[in-house]
Amino acid sequence: MGAESIAMFQNAAYLVVAILVVATLYTIFSPMLEGDKLKKRMDSVASAREGLRNSRMEQLNKKAGLRTESKGYIKDMVDKLSLEKLLEASDLRDKLAQAGMRGQKPIYTFYIFRLVLPIAGLLIGLILFVGLNISEWQMLQRIAMTVALTLFGYYLPAIFVKNAAGKRLASIVPVFPDALDLLLICVESGMSVELAFNKVAEEMAENSVELAEEFSLTTAELSFLSSRRMAYENFARRNNHVGMRSVATALIQAERYGTPLGDTLRTMANENRQMRVMAAEKKAAALPAKLTVPMILFFLPVLFIVILTPASMRLMGALS
C-alpha cells in the first residue's frame, strides 16, 4: 500500500506540473497567436466604413444623379486630337458643374462639339453663301456671313452651358433661404452637419431637384473628403451665386474658429431672404419699363378702337 500511495502521489504531482507548464506556455504564446487586437478592430472599422461608403454612393447615384459614365470613343478622339490643349476653355469643369453636368464625359462632349460645330458652320456657309449664293450678296458679304457662322458654331457650346447654368441657378435661388431655415432647425435639434445636409436634401427634393442634388453632393463630400472646408468650397464653386458663396464662407469660418453654427445659419438665412425680396422688388421696379412697348403695340390701338368706334359711327350716321 505504501508503494502504491507513493506512485499515486507522484502521478498527481506530474499531472499538476504538466497543467502548470501548459498554462504557462499558453500565457506566453497566446498573445502571439491572437495577433494585434487593435489592428483587427481598425481593419474591421475600415471595412465597415468602406461598405457604408459604397452603399452611400449607390444611394446618391440613384437619388442625386451622380454621373459615372464611361468615356469611350469620345475620350479617345479628344485625346488623339489633343483638343483639350487646342480648344482650351477656362474653368470648364466649374462651368459644367454649375450647369449640372459633372464627370468627365460632359467635358469631352463639350470639346467634340466645339470642334464639330465650327466646321459645320464653315461648310454650310461655303455651300449656301459662297457656292450657291442663294442670297445674291456680294463676295465680301458672303465671306463675312460664312465667318459669322463659323464663330457662332465655336461659341455655341459655351452659350448652351451658360444658359443651362442660368436656368439651374434660377431654380435653386428662390428656395435656398427655405433650405437654410430647414438646415438651421436640423442643426439646432442636435443633428450633425452631415445628417442635417442629408435631411435637407430629402425634404427639398419636391421643391427643387437641383438644390436637393447639391445638398446630397455636399453630404457625400462632408462624409468622405479629408476636410470640410473642401466640401464647402466645392459647394460654392458649383453654385455661382453671391448668397450661396457667402454661406459657404460663413460655414468655413464657423468650422475654423468654432463659432456656433446655428447663429451663422440664422444670419445667412436672413440675408438670403432679404436678397430674395430685393430681387423681387427689382423685377417689380423694372416692370413698367418693360410694359411700355407692349402697351404701345397692343393696348393703345385696342383702346383707341373702343373709344373712337362709337363716335365715328355716330358721326357717319349724322352725315348720312
Protein backbone atom coordinates (compact mmCIF):
# COMPACT_ATOMS: atom_id res chain seq x y z
CA MET A 1 0.00 0.00 0.00
CA GLY A 2 2.84 2.36 0.76
CA ALA A 3 4.42 1.95 -2.68
CA GLU A 4 1.10 2.34 -4.41
CA SER A 5 0.33 5.51 -2.41
CA ILE A 6 3.71 6.99 -3.31
CA ALA A 7 3.13 6.17 -7.03
CA MET A 8 -0.31 7.81 -6.98
CA PHE A 9 1.13 10.88 -5.29
CA GLN A 10 3.88 11.11 -7.92
CA ASN A 11 1.36 10.77 -10.74
CA ALA A 12 -0.78 13.54 -9.27
CA ALA A 13 2.28 15.74 -8.91
CA TYR A 14 3.28 15.08 -12.51
CA LEU A 15 -0.28 15.97 -13.63
CA VAL A 16 -0.22 19.23 -11.69
CA VAL A 17 3.21 20.11 -13.11
CA ALA A 18 2.01 19.32 -16.65
CA ILE A 19 -1.07 21.52 -16.17
CA LEU A 20 1.09 24.36 -14.86
CA VAL A 21 3.50 24.00 -17.78
CA VAL A 22 0.64 24.04 -20.30
CA ALA A 23 -0.89 27.09 -18.60
CA THR A 24 2.44 28.90 -18.62
CA LEU A 25 3.03 28.15 -22.29
CA TYR A 26 -0.50 29.31 -23.15
CA THR A 27 0.02 32.53 -21.22
CA ILE A 28 3.27 33.21 -23.04
CA PHE A 29 2.26 32.33 -26.58
CA SER A 30 -1.45 33.23 -26.65
CA PRO A 31 -0.83 36.94 -27.49
CA MET A 32 1.30 35.87 -30.43
CA LEU A 33 -1.40 33.57 -31.69
CA GLU A 34 -4.19 36.13 -31.31
CA GLY A 35 -2.29 38.92 -33.07
CA ASP A 36 -2.84 42.63 -32.66
CA LYS A 37 -6.40 43.21 -31.41
CA LEU A 38 -6.19 46.93 -32.12
CA LYS A 39 -5.19 46.26 -35.70
CA LYS A 40 -8.08 43.84 -36.11
CA ARG A 41 -10.51 46.40 -34.74
CA MET A 42 -9.17 49.12 -37.02
CA ASP A 43 -9.40 46.79 -40.00
CA SER A 44 -13.00 45.93 -39.14
CA VAL A 45 -13.87 49.62 -38.76
CA ALA A 46 -12.19 50.42 -42.08
CA SER A 47 -14.07 47.62 -43.84
CA ALA A 48 -17.35 48.76 -42.30
CA ARG A 49 -16.70 52.34 -43.36
CA GLU A 50 -15.87 51.23 -46.88
CA GLY A 51 -19.12 49.30 -47.01
CA LEU A 52 -21.06 52.32 -45.81
CA ARG A 53 -19.28 54.48 -48.36
CA ASN A 54 -20.18 52.13 -51.20
CA SER A 55 -23.80 51.93 -50.11
CA ARG A 56 -23.95 55.71 -49.73
CA MET A 57 -22.52 56.29 -53.19
CA GLU A 58 -25.07 53.84 -54.65
CA GLN A 59 -27.87 55.77 -52.95
CA LEU A 60 -26.51 59.08 -54.27
CA ASN A 61 -26.21 57.67 -57.78
CA LYS A 62 -29.90 56.78 -57.67
CA LYS A 63 -31.18 59.87 -55.86
CA ALA A 64 -28.90 62.73 -56.83
CA GLY A 65 -27.96 61.63 -60.32
CA LEU A 66 -24.18 61.40 -59.82
CA ARG A 67 -22.61 60.59 -63.15
CA THR A 68 -20.10 57.82 -63.59
CA GLU A 69 -20.37 57.11 -67.29
CA SER A 70 -17.60 55.58 -69.29
CA LYS A 71 -15.84 57.88 -71.67
CA GLY A 72 -15.49 55.54 -74.66
CA TYR A 73 -14.66 56.68 -78.15
CA ILE A 74 -15.29 60.35 -77.36
CA LYS A 75 -12.39 60.35 -74.90
CA ASP A 76 -10.18 58.55 -77.41
CA MET A 77 -10.94 61.15 -80.07
CA VAL A 78 -10.29 64.07 -77.72
CA ASP A 79 -7.01 62.55 -76.52
CA LYS A 80 -5.78 61.71 -80.01
CA LEU A 81 -6.53 65.16 -81.38
CA SER A 82 -5.32 66.92 -78.18
CA LEU A 83 -8.48 69.02 -78.15
CA GLU A 84 -8.02 70.00 -74.51
CA LYS A 85 -4.93 71.99 -75.48
CA LEU A 86 -6.18 73.12 -78.89
CA LEU A 87 -9.63 74.27 -77.71
CA GLU A 88 -8.76 75.13 -74.13
CA ALA A 89 -11.64 76.67 -72.16
CA SER A 90 -11.00 78.41 -68.85
CA ASP A 91 -12.78 76.96 -65.79
CA LEU A 92 -14.64 74.50 -67.97
CA ARG A 93 -15.16 71.95 -65.20
CA ASP A 94 -16.66 74.58 -62.87
CA LYS A 95 -18.94 75.94 -65.60
CA LEU A 96 -20.19 72.47 -66.45
CA ALA A 97 -20.75 71.74 -62.75
CA GLN A 98 -22.77 74.95 -62.47
CA ALA A 99 -24.92 73.64 -65.33
CA GLY A 100 -25.40 70.31 -63.54
CA MET A 101 -23.01 68.38 -65.80
CA ARG A 102 -20.47 66.51 -63.72
CA GLY A 103 -17.89 63.92 -64.56
CA GLN A 104 -15.50 63.55 -67.45
CA LYS A 105 -17.97 62.74 -70.22
CA PRO A 106 -19.52 66.25 -70.43
CA ILE A 107 -16.01 67.72 -70.73
CA TYR A 108 -15.10 65.53 -73.68
CA THR A 109 -18.52 66.08 -75.26
CA PHE A 110 -18.01 69.84 -74.96
CA TYR A 111 -14.69 69.66 -76.80
CA ILE A 112 -16.19 67.46 -79.51
CA PHE A 113 -19.00 69.95 -80.15
CA ARG A 114 -16.55 72.85 -80.07
CA LEU A 115 -14.59 71.07 -82.83
CA VAL A 116 -17.52 69.89 -84.96
CA LEU A 117 -19.84 72.91 -84.90
CA PRO A 118 -17.37 75.47 -86.36
CA ILE A 119 -16.52 73.06 -89.15
CA ALA A 120 -20.23 72.52 -89.82
CA GLY A 121 -20.84 76.27 -89.83
CA LEU A 122 -17.95 76.80 -92.22
CA LEU A 123 -19.20 74.12 -94.62
CA ILE A 124 -22.77 75.46 -94.53
CA GLY A 125 -21.53 78.99 -95.20
CA LEU A 126 -19.34 77.87 -98.08
CA ILE A 127 -22.14 75.85 -99.66
CA LEU A 128 -25.04 78.28 -99.20
CA PHE A 129 -23.41 81.69 -99.46
CA VAL A 130 -20.20 81.19 -101.45
CA GLY A 131 -21.11 78.26 -103.67
CA LEU A 132 -24.86 78.59 -104.32
CA ASN A 133 -25.13 82.31 -103.46
CA ILE A 134 -28.81 81.96 -102.50
CA SER A 135 -28.90 85.49 -101.08
CA GLU A 136 -27.26 87.11 -104.13
CA TRP A 137 -24.88 89.11 -101.96
CA GLN A 138 -21.51 90.49 -102.85
CA MET A 139 -18.44 88.36 -102.24
CA LEU A 140 -17.34 90.27 -99.14
CA GLN A 141 -20.78 89.90 -97.57
CA ARG A 142 -20.83 86.17 -98.31
CA ILE A 143 -17.39 85.69 -96.74
CA ALA A 144 -18.45 87.72 -93.70
CA MET A 145 -21.57 85.56 -93.27
CA THR A 146 -19.50 82.38 -93.52
CA VAL A 147 -17.06 83.63 -90.88
CA ALA A 148 -20.00 84.62 -88.66
CA LEU A 149 -21.46 81.10 -88.92
CA THR A 150 -18.08 79.61 -88.06
CA LEU A 151 -17.68 81.82 -84.97
CA PHE A 152 -21.26 81.11 -83.94
CA GLY A 153 -20.56 77.38 -84.08
CA TYR A 154 -17.42 77.84 -81.99
CA TYR A 155 -19.16 79.79 -79.23
CA LEU A 156 -22.45 77.87 -79.31
CA PRO A 157 -21.40 75.16 -76.76
CA ALA A 158 -20.30 77.83 -74.26
CA ILE A 159 -23.58 79.70 -74.78
CA PHE A 160 -25.53 76.50 -74.20
CA VAL A 161 -23.64 75.72 -70.99
CA LYS A 162 -24.11 79.28 -69.73
CA ASN A 163 -27.84 79.21 -70.39
CA ALA A 164 -28.19 75.82 -68.70
CA ALA A 165 -26.29 77.13 -65.67
CA GLY A 166 -28.52 80.21 -65.53
CA LYS A 167 -31.73 78.14 -65.64
CA ARG A 168 -30.41 75.78 -62.99
CA LEU A 169 -29.41 78.64 -60.70
CA ALA A 170 -32.79 80.32 -61.24
CA SER A 171 -34.49 77.17 -59.93
CA ILE A 172 -32.19 76.98 -56.88
CA VAL A 173 -32.04 80.57 -55.62
CA PRO A 174 -35.76 81.12 -54.77
CA VAL A 175 -35.91 78.08 -52.44
CA PHE A 176 -32.42 78.38 -50.97
CA PRO A 177 -33.48 80.54 -47.95
CA ASP A 178 -36.11 77.93 -47.06
CA ALA A 179 -33.43 75.24 -47.24
CA LEU A 180 -31.24 77.28 -44.87
CA ASP A 181 -34.14 77.58 -42.41
CA LEU A 182 -34.61 73.82 -42.50
CA LEU A 183 -30.87 73.30 -42.11
CA LEU A 184 -30.92 75.61 -39.08
CA ILE A 185 -33.74 73.61 -37.49
CA CYS A 186 -31.88 70.33 -38.06
CA VAL A 187 -28.60 71.66 -36.61
CA GLU A 188 -30.27 73.17 -33.55
CA SER A 189 -32.15 69.92 -32.92
CA GLY A 190 -28.82 68.18 -32.37
CA MET A 191 -28.07 66.67 -35.77
CA SER A 192 -24.57 66.61 -37.13
CA VAL A 193 -23.78 68.65 -40.22
CA GLU A 194 -23.77 65.58 -42.47
CA LEU A 195 -27.16 64.37 -41.23
CA ALA A 196 -28.57 67.89 -41.44
CA PHE A 197 -27.49 68.30 -45.08
CA ASN A 198 -28.88 64.86 -45.92
CA LYS A 199 -32.22 65.65 -44.26
CA VAL A 200 -32.50 68.96 -46.13
CA ALA A 201 -31.73 67.15 -49.40
CA GLU A 202 -34.59 64.73 -48.78
CA GLU A 203 -37.08 67.43 -47.78
CA MET A 204 -36.23 69.88 -50.60
CA ALA A 205 -36.47 67.32 -53.40
CA GLU A 206 -40.11 68.25 -54.06
CA ASN A 207 -39.42 71.99 -54.31
CA SER A 208 -36.13 71.91 -56.25
CA VAL A 209 -34.46 68.78 -57.53
CA GLU A 210 -31.31 70.72 -58.36
CA LEU A 211 -30.95 72.07 -54.80
CA ALA A 212 -31.59 68.61 -53.36
CA GLU A 213 -28.86 67.28 -55.62
CA GLU A 214 -26.43 69.94 -54.42
CA PHE A 215 -27.11 69.14 -50.77
CA SER A 216 -26.72 65.42 -51.48
CA LEU A 217 -23.34 66.01 -53.11
CA THR A 218 -22.26 68.19 -50.18
CA THR A 219 -23.34 65.43 -47.79
CA ALA A 220 -21.17 62.93 -49.62
CA GLU A 221 -18.20 65.29 -49.65
CA LEU A 222 -18.59 66.13 -45.95
CA SER A 223 -18.54 62.43 -45.17
CA PHE A 224 -15.60 61.35 -47.29
CA LEU A 225 -13.33 64.32 -48.01
CA SER A 226 -10.37 64.92 -45.76
CA SER A 227 -11.55 68.44 -44.86
CA ARG A 228 -14.98 70.01 -44.55
CA ARG A 229 -13.51 73.20 -45.95
CA MET A 230 -13.06 71.47 -49.29
CA ALA A 231 -16.72 70.39 -49.29
CA TYR A 232 -17.93 73.93 -48.60
CA GLU A 233 -15.61 75.38 -51.26
CA ASN A 234 -16.89 72.87 -53.80
CA PHE A 235 -20.46 73.83 -52.89
CA ALA A 236 -19.67 77.50 -53.57
CA ARG A 237 -17.83 76.65 -56.79
CA ARG A 238 -20.74 74.62 -58.17
CA ASN A 239 -23.21 77.45 -57.46
CA ASN A 240 -22.04 80.78 -58.78
CA HIS A 241 -24.31 82.95 -56.64
CA VAL A 242 -23.28 85.59 -54.12
CA GLY A 243 -25.66 84.31 -51.44
CA MET A 244 -24.51 80.72 -51.68
CA ARG A 245 -20.86 81.75 -51.77
CA SER A 246 -21.37 83.83 -48.61
CA VAL A 247 -23.00 80.83 -46.91
CA ALA A 248 -20.05 78.64 -47.81
CA THR A 249 -17.61 81.26 -46.50
CA ALA A 250 -19.56 81.56 -43.24
CA LEU A 251 -19.59 77.78 -42.79
CA ILE A 252 -15.84 77.64 -43.38
CA GLN A 253 -15.24 80.34 -40.78
CA ALA A 254 -17.55 78.60 -38.30
CA GLU A 255 -15.65 75.37 -38.85
CA ARG A 256 -12.29 77.09 -38.46
CA TYR A 257 -12.94 79.33 -35.46
CA GLY A 258 -15.54 77.24 -33.67
CA THR A 259 -18.34 79.80 -33.74
CA PRO A 260 -21.90 78.46 -33.15
CA LEU A 261 -23.22 77.03 -36.38
CA GLY A 262 -26.83 77.88 -35.52
CA ASP A 263 -26.13 81.61 -35.26
CA THR A 264 -24.23 81.52 -38.55
CA LEU A 265 -27.05 79.73 -40.37
CA ARG A 266 -29.66 82.07 -38.90
CA THR A 267 -27.76 85.12 -40.11
CA MET A 268 -27.21 83.63 -43.57
CA ALA A 269 -30.88 82.65 -43.86
CA ASN A 270 -31.96 86.22 -43.07
CA GLU A 271 -29.50 87.66 -45.57
CA ASN A 272 -30.59 85.31 -48.35
CA ARG A 273 -34.23 86.03 -47.61
CA GLN A 274 -33.54 89.76 -47.90
CA MET A 275 -31.73 89.14 -51.17
CA ARG A 276 -34.77 87.25 -52.47
CA VAL A 277 -37.04 90.15 -51.52
CA MET A 278 -34.68 92.65 -53.16
CA ALA A 279 -34.63 90.58 -56.35
CA ALA A 280 -38.44 90.56 -56.41
CA GLU A 281 -38.54 94.33 -55.83
CA LYS A 282 -36.04 94.83 -58.63
CA LYS A 283 -38.23 92.87 -61.02
CA ALA A 284 -41.28 94.83 -59.92
CA ALA A 285 -39.47 98.14 -60.43
CA ALA A 286 -38.40 97.12 -63.94
CA LEU A 287 -41.91 96.02 -64.90
CA PRO A 288 -43.27 99.47 -66.01
CA ALA A 289 -40.37 99.99 -68.41
CA LYS A 290 -40.87 96.51 -69.84
CA LEU A 291 -44.61 97.09 -70.28
CA THR A 292 -44.17 100.29 -72.29
CA VAL A 293 -43.63 98.63 -75.66
CA PRO A 294 -46.42 96.01 -75.25
CA MET A 295 -48.82 98.79 -74.21
CA ILE A 296 -47.97 100.87 -77.25
CA LEU A 297 -48.28 97.92 -79.64
CA PHE A 298 -51.27 96.07 -78.19
CA PHE A 299 -53.21 98.05 -75.56
CA LEU A 300 -53.39 101.55 -77.05
CA PRO A 301 -54.67 100.51 -80.51
CA VAL A 302 -57.45 98.47 -78.91
CA LEU A 303 -58.26 101.35 -76.56
CA PHE A 304 -58.46 103.80 -79.45
CA ILE A 305 -60.73 101.43 -81.36
CA VAL A 306 -63.07 101.03 -78.39
CA ILE A 307 -63.23 104.79 -77.77
CA LEU A 308 -63.38 106.09 -81.33
CA THR A 309 -65.61 103.48 -82.98
CA PRO A 310 -68.90 104.65 -81.36
CA ALA A 311 -68.08 108.29 -82.07
CA SER A 312 -67.22 107.54 -85.69
CA MET A 313 -70.40 105.52 -86.14
CA ARG A 314 -72.49 108.39 -84.75
CA LEU A 315 -70.68 110.87 -86.99
CA MET A 316 -71.25 108.71 -90.06
CA GLY A 317 -74.93 108.37 -89.11
CA ALA A 318 -75.33 112.11 -88.69
CA LEU A 319 -73.66 112.85 -92.00
CA SER A 320 -75.73 110.29 -93.87
